[in-house]
Amino acid sequence: MENCLFCKIASGDIPSSKVYEDENVFAFRDIAPQAPVHILVIPKTHFASAGEVTPENSALVAKCFEAIAKIAVQEKLDTGFRVISNCGPDAGQTVPHIHFHILAGKKLGEKMV
């Protein structure tokens, strides 16, 4: 999508601190981390959120989770990590491109909110 921040990051038009990339997925460090490790994982193909997952694009979500597993090993997240995807403005989604937050690097509380 032409004006999508994350599409521009994945294409290299906007610089980022890249953690992982393959033909389908791009991952980079969040510029406003909420934990010592805060990585965003996005499919390179644009769609807005988990609310737009279809049989045609669901394989990209699986590719994101395959990348998350690789990133967890690469980043040595042996003691655990959390994966979050916000869906829509009421959930706190600020960039309308599906993405997954990897949070780690400290003991995270059991409560989600």
Protein backbone atom coordinates (compact mmCIF):
# COMPACT_ATOMS: atom_id res chain seq x y z
CA MET A 1 0.00 0.00 0.00
CA GLU A 2 1.43 3.34 -1.08
CA ASN A 3 1.17 5.34 2.16
CA CYS A 4 1.61 2.53 4.67
CA LEU A 5 4.44 3.14 7.15
CA PHE A 6 5.22 -0.57 7.53
CA CYS A 7 5.19 -1.18 3.77
CA LYS A 8 7.73 1.64 3.42
CA ILE A 9 9.88 0.12 6.17
CA ALA A 10 9.75 -3.36 4.59
CA SER A 11 10.71 -1.95 1.18
CA GLY A 12 13.65 -0.03 2.66
CA ASP A 13 12.19 3.40 1.89
CA ILE A 14 12.22 4.18 5.63
CA PRO A 15 15.23 2.98 7.66
CA SER A 16 14.76 0.52 10.49
CA SER A 17 16.77 -1.68 12.79
CA LYS A 18 16.23 -4.93 10.87
CA VAL A 19 16.25 -8.15 12.87
CA TYR A 20 15.06 -10.63 10.24
CA GLU A 21 14.01 -10.74 6.60
CA ASP A 22 12.98 -13.37 4.09
CA GLU A 23 10.87 -13.24 0.93
CA ASN A 24 7.59 -12.96 2.89
CA VAL A 25 8.41 -11.43 6.27
CA PHE A 26 10.28 -8.43 7.67
CA ALA A 27 11.08 -7.88 11.36
CA PHE A 28 12.57 -4.83 13.05
CA ARG A 29 13.06 -3.30 16.49
CA ASP A 30 10.28 -1.04 17.76
CA ILE A 31 11.33 2.61 18.05
CA ALA A 32 9.34 2.97 21.31
CA PRO A 33 10.03 -0.36 23.07
CA GLN A 34 7.65 -1.55 25.77
CA ALA A 35 10.12 -4.20 27.00
CA PRO A 36 13.90 -4.68 26.76
CA VAL A 37 13.25 -6.73 23.61
CA HIS A 38 10.45 -5.35 21.42
CA ILE A 39 10.43 -6.54 17.82
CA LEU A 40 7.72 -6.03 15.21
CA VAL A 41 7.11 -8.81 12.69
CA ILE A 42 5.17 -7.99 9.53
CA PRO A 43 4.25 -9.75 6.30
CA LYS A 44 5.60 -7.89 3.29
CA THR A 45 2.15 -8.14 1.70
CA HIS A 46 -0.19 -5.48 3.05
CA PHE A 47 -3.45 -6.16 4.84
CA ALA A 48 -4.74 -4.20 7.79
CA SER A 49 -5.16 -6.61 10.69
CA ALA A 50 -6.10 -10.05 11.96
CA GLY A 51 -9.66 -9.06 11.10
CA GLU A 52 -8.70 -9.34 7.42
CA VAL A 53 -7.15 -12.82 7.50
CA THR A 54 -8.63 -14.97 4.72
CA PRO A 55 -7.87 -18.35 3.19
CA GLU A 56 -5.94 -16.44 0.51
CA ASN A 57 -3.59 -14.64 2.92
CA SER A 58 -3.50 -16.88 6.00
CA ALA A 59 -0.27 -18.54 4.85
CA LEU A 60 1.44 -15.17 5.41
CA VAL A 61 0.36 -15.25 9.06
CA ALA A 62 1.89 -18.72 9.35
CA LYS A 63 5.10 -17.38 7.75
CA CYS A 64 5.17 -14.62 10.38
CA PHE A 65 4.93 -17.20 13.17
CA GLU A 66 7.66 -19.30 11.55
CA ALA A 67 9.81 -16.16 11.54
CA ILE A 68 8.92 -15.46 15.18
CA ALA A 69 10.27 -18.90 16.14
CA LYS A 70 13.52 -18.20 14.26
CA ILE A 71 13.84 -14.75 15.82
CA ALA A 72 13.32 -16.20 19.31
CA VAL A 73 16.29 -18.51 18.74
CA GLN A 74 18.38 -15.76 17.12
CA GLU A 75 17.68 -13.35 20.01
CA LYS A 76 18.19 -16.09 22.63
CA LEU A 77 14.73 -15.64 24.16
CA ASP A 78 15.15 -18.95 26.01
CA THR A 79 13.22 -17.91 29.13
CA GLY A 80 10.14 -16.83 27.21
CA PHE A 81 8.51 -14.15 25.13
CA ARG A 82 5.05 -12.77 24.41
CA VAL A 83 3.46 -12.29 20.97
CA ILE A 84 0.71 -9.70 20.63
CA SER A 85 -1.32 -8.46 17.67
CA ASN A 86 -3.58 -5.47 18.17
CA CYS A 87 -6.60 -5.35 15.87
CA GLY A 88 -8.21 -1.97 15.31
CA PRO A 89 -8.05 1.37 17.12
CA ASP A 90 -9.87 0.22 20.27
CA ALA A 91 -7.19 -2.45 20.72
CA GLY A 92 -4.40 0.09 20.30
CA GLN A 93 -3.44 -0.65 16.69
CA THR A 94 -1.80 2.53 15.40
CA VAL A 95 -0.47 1.28 12.04
CA PRO A 96 -3.09 -0.43 9.85
CA HIS A 97 -0.79 -3.19 8.60
CA ILE A 98 -1.02 -6.56 10.36
CA HIS A 99 1.92 -6.98 12.70
CA PHE A 100 3.01 -9.01 15.66
CA HIS A 101 4.89 -7.63 18.66
CA ILE A 102 7.52 -9.86 20.25
CA LEU A 103 8.07 -8.72 23.83
CA ALA A 104 10.79 -10.20 26.03
CA GLY A 105 13.88 -9.50 28.05
CA LYS A 106 12.22 -9.31 31.45
CA LYS A 107 9.63 -11.21 33.43
CA LEU A 108 6.27 -10.17 31.98
CA GLY A 109 3.23 -10.17 34.23
CA GLU A 110 0.50 -12.75 33.85
CA LYS A 111 -2.16 -10.10 33.21
CA MET A 112 -2.53 -8.81 29.68
CA VAL A 113 -4.04 -5.44 30.67
